[in-house]
Protein backbone atom coordinates (compact mmCIF):
# COMPACT_ATOMS: atom_id res chain seq x y z
CA MET A 1 52.82 26.80 220.07
CA ILE A 2 52.66 30.58 220.66
CA LYS A 3 55.52 32.64 221.99
CA LEU A 4 55.32 36.38 222.64
CA PHE A 5 58.54 38.09 221.59
CA LYS A 6 60.07 40.98 223.46
CA LYS A 7 60.34 44.19 221.34
CA VAL A 8 63.81 44.57 219.84
CA ASP A 9 63.42 48.14 218.52
CA ASN A 10 60.69 50.50 217.36
CA VAL A 11 60.69 49.76 213.69
CA GLY A 12 62.54 46.52 213.01
CA TRP A 13 61.72 42.85 213.26
CA THR A 14 63.55 39.64 214.18
CA PHE A 15 63.25 36.01 213.24
CA SER A 16 64.31 32.82 214.97
CA PRO A 17 64.99 30.01 212.46
CA THR A 18 65.00 27.47 215.30
CA LEU A 19 61.62 28.37 216.76
CA LYS A 20 60.20 29.60 213.44
CA TYR A 21 58.82 32.79 214.98
CA CYS A 22 58.93 36.38 213.82
CA TRP A 23 57.47 39.59 215.10
CA GLY A 24 57.24 43.02 213.56
CA ARG A 25 55.75 46.49 213.46
CA ASN A 26 56.16 46.77 209.68
CA PRO A 27 52.63 46.58 208.17
CA ASN A 28 53.89 45.25 204.82
CA LEU A 29 55.80 42.45 206.53
CA GLN A 30 52.79 41.55 208.65
CA LYS A 31 50.59 41.34 205.55
CA ALA A 32 53.15 39.20 203.76
CA ILE A 33 53.36 36.56 206.48
CA SER A 34 49.74 36.57 207.57
CA TYR A 35 48.63 34.47 204.60
CA ALA A 36 50.68 31.50 205.81
CA SER A 37 50.36 31.74 209.55
CA ARG A 38 48.10 31.58 212.52
CA LYS A 39 48.20 34.87 214.37
CA THR A 40 47.53 35.89 217.91
CA THR A 41 47.65 39.44 219.16
CA ARG A 42 48.42 40.71 222.61
CA HIS A 43 48.80 44.15 224.08
CA VAL A 44 51.85 44.63 226.22
CA LYS A 45 51.84 47.99 228.01
CA GLY A 46 50.01 49.64 225.13
CA ASP A 47 52.46 48.41 222.50
CA LEU A 48 50.99 46.07 219.87
CA VAL A 49 53.11 42.97 219.37
CA HIS A 50 52.38 40.16 216.92
CA ALA A 51 53.54 36.59 217.42
CA PHE A 52 53.31 34.09 214.61
CA ILE A 53 53.68 30.37 214.21
CA LEU A 54 55.01 29.95 210.69
CA PRO A 55 55.14 26.98 208.35
CA GLU A 56 58.43 26.21 206.62
CA VAL A 57 58.88 29.74 205.14
CA THR A 58 62.32 31.19 204.64
CA ILE A 59 63.41 34.81 205.04
CA LEU A 60 63.98 35.14 201.27
CA GLN A 61 60.47 33.89 200.56
CA LEU A 62 59.03 36.46 202.95
CA ALA A 63 61.08 39.27 201.40
CA SER A 64 59.85 38.40 197.93
CA LYS A 65 56.28 39.06 199.04
CA VAL A 66 56.96 42.70 199.98
CA ALA A 67 59.34 43.84 197.15
CA PHE A 68 58.33 45.79 194.01
CA THR A 69 58.41 43.96 190.69
CA LEU A 70 60.48 45.33 187.79
CA ALA A 71 57.28 46.22 185.94
CA GLU A 72 56.01 48.24 188.91
CA VAL A 73 59.32 50.11 189.15
CA LEU A 74 59.34 50.91 185.42
CA ILE A 75 55.73 52.12 185.49
CA THR A 76 56.49 54.39 188.46
CA LEU A 77 59.57 55.82 186.75
CA GLY A 78 57.54 56.39 183.60
CA ILE A 79 54.91 58.35 185.50
CA ILE A 80 57.60 60.44 187.20
CA GLY A 81 59.15 61.16 183.78
CA VAL A 82 55.85 62.29 182.28
CA VAL A 83 55.11 64.58 185.23
CA ALA A 84 58.63 66.05 185.05
CA ALA A 85 58.32 66.67 181.31
CA MET A 86 55.06 68.54 181.89
CA THR A 87 56.18 70.67 184.84
CA LEU A 88 59.90 71.34 184.31
CA PRO A 89 59.51 73.81 181.38
CA THR A 90 57.11 75.91 183.45
CA LEU A 91 59.37 75.81 186.49
CA ILE A 92 62.41 76.79 184.41
CA ALA A 93 60.51 79.64 182.69
CA ASN A 94 59.28 80.99 186.04
CA TYR A 95 62.82 80.91 187.43
CA GLN A 96 64.16 82.72 184.35
CA LYS A 97 61.47 85.40 184.64
CA LYS A 98 62.26 86.04 188.30
CA GLU A 99 65.99 86.16 187.59
CA THR A 100 65.36 88.62 184.72
CA VAL A 101 63.33 90.94 186.96
CA VAL A 102 65.94 90.86 189.74
CA ARG A 103 68.80 91.64 187.33
CA LEU A 104 66.85 94.41 185.57
CA GLN A 105 65.80 96.04 188.83
CA LYS A 106 69.39 95.99 190.09
CA ILE A 107 70.97 97.70 187.06
CA TYR A 108 68.15 100.25 186.90
CA SER A 109 68.86 101.17 190.52
CA GLN A 110 72.61 101.31 189.85
CA LEU A 111 72.25 103.65 186.86
CA ASN A 112 69.98 105.95 188.85
CA GLN A 113 72.65 106.12 191.53
CA VAL A 114 75.33 106.81 188.90
CA ILE A 115 73.37 109.79 187.56
CA LYS A 116 72.78 111.15 191.07
CA LEU A 117 76.54 111.04 191.74
CA ALA A 118 77.18 112.77 188.39
CA GLU A 119 74.64 115.46 189.33
CA ALA A 120 76.51 116.09 192.59
CA GLU A 121 79.58 116.88 190.50
CA HIS A 122 78.14 118.46 187.33
CA GLY A 123 74.93 120.05 188.55
CA SER A 124 71.29 119.13 187.97
CA ILE A 125 70.58 116.84 185.02
CA ASP A 126 68.26 119.57 183.69
CA SER A 127 71.31 121.74 183.03
CA TRP A 128 73.47 119.17 181.24
CA ASN A 129 74.34 120.18 177.68
CA TYR A 130 76.47 118.47 175.05
CA ALA A 131 78.14 121.82 174.31
CA ASN A 132 79.93 121.54 177.64
CA MET A 133 81.34 118.09 176.86
CA GLY A 134 83.44 118.49 173.72
CA SER A 135 83.91 120.06 170.32
CA ASN A 136 82.85 117.06 168.24
CA ILE A 137 80.66 113.99 168.59
CA ASN A 138 83.45 111.59 169.48
CA GLU A 139 84.85 113.93 172.15
CA ILE A 140 81.36 114.33 173.62
CA LYS A 141 80.83 110.58 173.85
CA GLU A 142 84.21 109.97 175.49
CA TYR A 143 83.80 112.84 177.93
CA PHE A 144 80.30 111.79 178.98
CA LEU A 145 81.27 108.16 179.39
CA ASN A 146 84.45 108.85 181.38
CA ASN A 147 83.18 111.67 183.60
CA TYR A 148 79.48 110.92 184.04
CA ILE A 149 79.34 107.11 183.98
CA ILE A 150 82.60 105.15 184.43
CA LYS A 151 83.67 107.39 187.27
CA HIS A 152 80.73 106.17 189.34
CA ILE A 153 80.33 102.49 188.45
CA LYS A 154 82.76 99.59 188.83
CA ILE A 155 83.70 98.13 185.45
CA LEU A 156 85.90 95.31 184.25
CA LYS A 157 86.33 96.60 180.71
CA LYS A 158 85.66 99.55 178.42
CA CYS A 159 85.06 98.68 174.77
CA ASP A 160 85.08 100.46 171.44
CA SER A 161 84.41 99.34 167.88
CA SER A 162 87.48 97.08 167.87
CA ASN A 163 86.38 94.89 170.80
CA ILE A 164 82.74 95.77 171.52
CA SER A 165 81.70 92.10 171.50
CA GLU A 166 83.71 91.61 174.69
CA CYS A 167 81.30 93.96 176.47
CA ILE A 168 77.99 93.48 174.69
CA THR A 169 76.66 92.27 171.37
CA PRO A 170 77.01 95.13 168.86
CA LYS A 171 73.80 94.05 167.10
CA ILE A 172 70.64 94.76 169.10
CA MET A 173 67.79 92.44 168.09
CA ASP A 174 64.08 93.09 168.59
CA LEU A 175 61.63 90.64 170.17
CA ASN A 176 61.45 88.62 166.95
CA GLY A 177 65.21 88.35 166.62
CA LYS A 178 65.32 90.93 163.81
CA LEU A 179 68.22 93.41 163.74
CA MET A 180 67.02 96.62 165.35
CA TYR A 181 70.12 98.70 165.91
CA GLU A 182 73.83 98.52 165.11
CA PRO A 183 75.74 101.77 165.72
CA SER A 184 78.50 102.75 163.35
CA THR A 185 80.65 103.97 166.24
CA LYS A 186 80.40 101.52 169.09
CA ILE A 187 81.15 102.35 172.70
CA GLY A 188 80.33 100.25 175.73
CA ILE A 189 81.37 98.84 179.10
CA PHE A 190 81.25 95.55 180.97
CA THR A 191 80.54 96.00 184.67
CA GLN A 192 81.86 94.11 187.66
CA ASP A 193 78.35 92.70 188.23
CA GLY A 194 78.28 91.09 184.77
CA TYR A 195 76.22 93.66 182.85
CA GLY A 196 77.12 94.70 179.31
CA ILE A 197 76.07 98.24 178.34
CA LEU A 198 76.05 99.78 174.84
CA PHE A 199 75.62 103.57 174.68
CA TRP A 200 73.51 105.43 172.12
CA PHE A 201 73.77 109.24 172.18
CA GLY A 202 70.80 111.18 170.87
CA GLY A 203 69.76 114.80 170.57
CA ILE A 204 73.14 116.10 169.40
CA ASN A 205 73.04 118.98 166.93
CA THR A 206 75.70 117.88 164.43
CA SER A 207 76.15 121.40 163.03
CA ASP A 208 77.55 122.86 166.25
CA ASN A 209 77.64 119.83 168.62
CA THR A 210 75.13 121.34 171.01
CA SER A 211 72.00 119.78 172.43
CA THR A 212 68.86 119.79 170.32
CA TYR A 213 65.23 119.56 171.47
CA SER A 214 65.74 116.44 173.58
CA PRO A 215 69.31 115.44 174.53
CA HIS A 216 69.53 111.91 175.88
CA VAL A 217 71.65 108.80 176.21
CA HIS A 218 70.13 105.34 175.76
CA PHE A 219 71.72 102.46 177.64
CA PHE A 220 71.19 99.09 175.97
CA VAL A 221 71.76 96.79 178.93
CA ASP A 222 72.53 93.09 178.51
CA ILE A 223 71.64 91.66 181.91
CA ASN A 224 73.58 88.39 181.51
CA GLY A 225 76.59 89.38 179.41
CA PRO A 226 77.33 89.01 175.69
CA LYS A 227 77.95 85.26 175.69
CA ASN A 228 74.73 84.21 177.42
CA GLY A 229 71.04 84.27 176.59
CA GLU A 230 69.25 85.29 173.41
CA ASN A 231 70.56 88.90 173.20
CA ARG A 232 67.09 90.21 172.33
CA LEU A 233 65.12 93.20 173.54
CA GLY A 234 62.63 92.21 176.18
CA LYS A 235 64.40 88.93 176.97
CA ASP A 236 67.88 89.75 178.24
CA ILE A 237 68.52 93.20 176.72
CA PHE A 238 66.61 96.20 178.05
CA MET A 239 66.63 99.87 177.17
CA ILE A 240 67.21 102.50 179.88
CA SER A 241 67.32 106.19 179.02
CA ALA A 242 68.80 109.30 180.65
CA PHE A 243 67.03 112.47 179.49
CA PHE A 244 68.69 115.81 180.29
CA GLY A 245 68.80 119.44 179.29
CA PRO A 246 65.75 121.04 177.58
CA GLN A 247 63.11 118.38 177.01
CA LEU A 248 60.61 119.31 174.31
CA ALA A 249 58.32 117.35 172.03
CA GLN A 250 59.63 117.00 168.50
CA GLU A 251 56.64 118.88 167.16
CA ASP A 252 57.89 121.90 169.10
CA ASN A 253 61.09 121.65 167.13
CA GLY A 254 59.45 121.66 163.73
CA THR A 255 58.68 117.94 163.29
CA THR A 256 55.65 115.83 164.15
CA SER A 257 57.07 112.33 164.56
CA GLU A 258 56.68 112.47 168.34
CA THR A 259 54.27 114.50 170.44
CA ARG A 260 55.32 113.69 174.00
CA PRO A 261 58.25 115.46 175.67
CA LYS A 262 60.25 113.57 178.30
CA ARG A 263 60.89 114.35 181.94
CA SER A 264 64.54 114.79 182.87
CA GLY A 265 65.91 111.78 184.69
CA VAL A 266 66.63 108.07 184.25
CA TYR A 267 63.80 105.82 183.04
CA LEU A 268 63.20 102.44 181.55
CA TYR A 269 62.37 103.41 178.00
CA GLY A 270 58.63 104.13 177.73
CA ASN A 271 58.35 105.65 181.19
CA GLY A 272 59.01 109.30 181.91
CA TRP A 273 56.95 110.57 178.98
CA GLN A 274 54.48 113.43 179.27
CA PRO A 275 51.69 112.54 179.51
CA GLU A 276 52.63 109.09 180.81
CA LEU A 277 51.98 106.16 178.49
CA THR A 278 49.25 103.79 179.66
CA ARG A 279 49.94 100.10 180.18
CA ASP A 280 48.12 99.28 176.93
CA GLU A 281 50.27 101.82 175.09
CA LEU A 282 53.44 100.20 176.44
CA LEU A 283 52.22 96.98 174.83
CA THR A 284 50.94 98.37 171.54
CA THR A 285 52.84 101.58 170.68
CA SER A 286 54.03 101.22 167.09
CA TYR A 287 57.50 102.46 168.00
CA GLY A 288 58.99 100.21 170.66
CA GLY A 289 55.88 98.55 172.10
CA CYS A 290 56.40 95.34 174.08
CA ASN A 291 54.83 93.13 171.44
CA LYS A 292 56.14 90.79 168.74
CA THR A 293 53.86 92.41 166.15
CA ILE A 294 55.55 95.82 166.51
CA PRO A 295 57.53 96.53 163.30
CA THR A 296 59.94 99.15 164.72
CA TYR A 297 62.05 98.60 167.83
CA GLY A 298 59.67 95.92 169.07
CA GLY A 299 60.44 95.21 172.71
CA ALA A 300 62.11 98.51 173.61
CA MET A 301 59.35 99.25 176.15
CA CYS A 302 59.33 95.81 177.80
CA GLY A 303 61.42 96.98 180.74
CA ALA A 304 58.99 99.84 181.37
CA LEU A 305 56.13 97.33 181.27
CA ILE A 306 57.83 95.14 183.90
CA GLN A 307 58.32 98.17 186.14
CA ARG A 308 54.73 99.34 185.59
CA ASP A 309 53.50 95.89 186.66
CA GLY A 310 55.26 96.16 190.00
CA TRP A 311 58.50 94.51 188.88
CA GLU A 312 56.76 91.41 187.66
CA ILE A 313 56.42 89.63 184.31
CA LYS A 314 52.69 89.16 183.79
CA ASP A 315 50.93 86.49 181.74
CA ASP A 316 50.44 88.79 178.72
CA TYR A 317 54.16 89.58 178.52
CA PRO A 318 55.62 88.23 175.23
CA TRP A 319 58.08 85.91 176.94
CA ARG A 320 57.94 83.02 174.46
């Protein structure tokens, strides 16, 4: 006996234990019951409806024909686990790279703005001279920090040698995790945006506390704070430099250790040199190149490399 059932809904099915009929639009259900039934098919206003005459088959028996076995579930989960293990490290690394670039670009922009505000108050950066900032090295550092930097950036804390680790790690590591720099007198800040900055003052003539051939301040910037990340150059610490006053090559001052003068301004270390370093030189320069094989200050130029590559970490960047 064949009975054509009226459609109950668009996706479900119903079963009458008395008449032993079922109908459905679920393909898996239709396959499961077709083996034990005679089937007739009719079109009712364009909607395909199946009516079955079933032998003595219960609902539970039908359901068992369309469910996954435990073995199938375990195999599927195993495949998902393998795929996740293969792809997750790459996804995490790509996210970390993008986050690093965003944080670096933001603090670089902020420090440029800080220097522009300081110029509006103290004159062009070309005219800045340590002689105008104090009578000894410590006075110069304090004056510069308070009047040229802190005045124009929101900070949560200012640190000295007694509490520097609350602002930034006092030990700057190179790309290989080797100690690169640890100042005897430590001075730094922790900004409202979560950046730690350690200051390194260079180009001070210690005999009369005036500027020498190339006065500058290096900012060692920890982009994720002192308690996070690896605290290594090129990973989460980057070097930004402010060059001011008379910028000459060291050879013009009687030495030959450096032949390129710097342009006045704020640069990721490695940019702003004259003539400009090439991309290959940013990777291979023996003093600060963005490469794990560099023996001295390895990684100092990694920020400049990121900027040179259009604010992107390329495949040849020593990330791992």
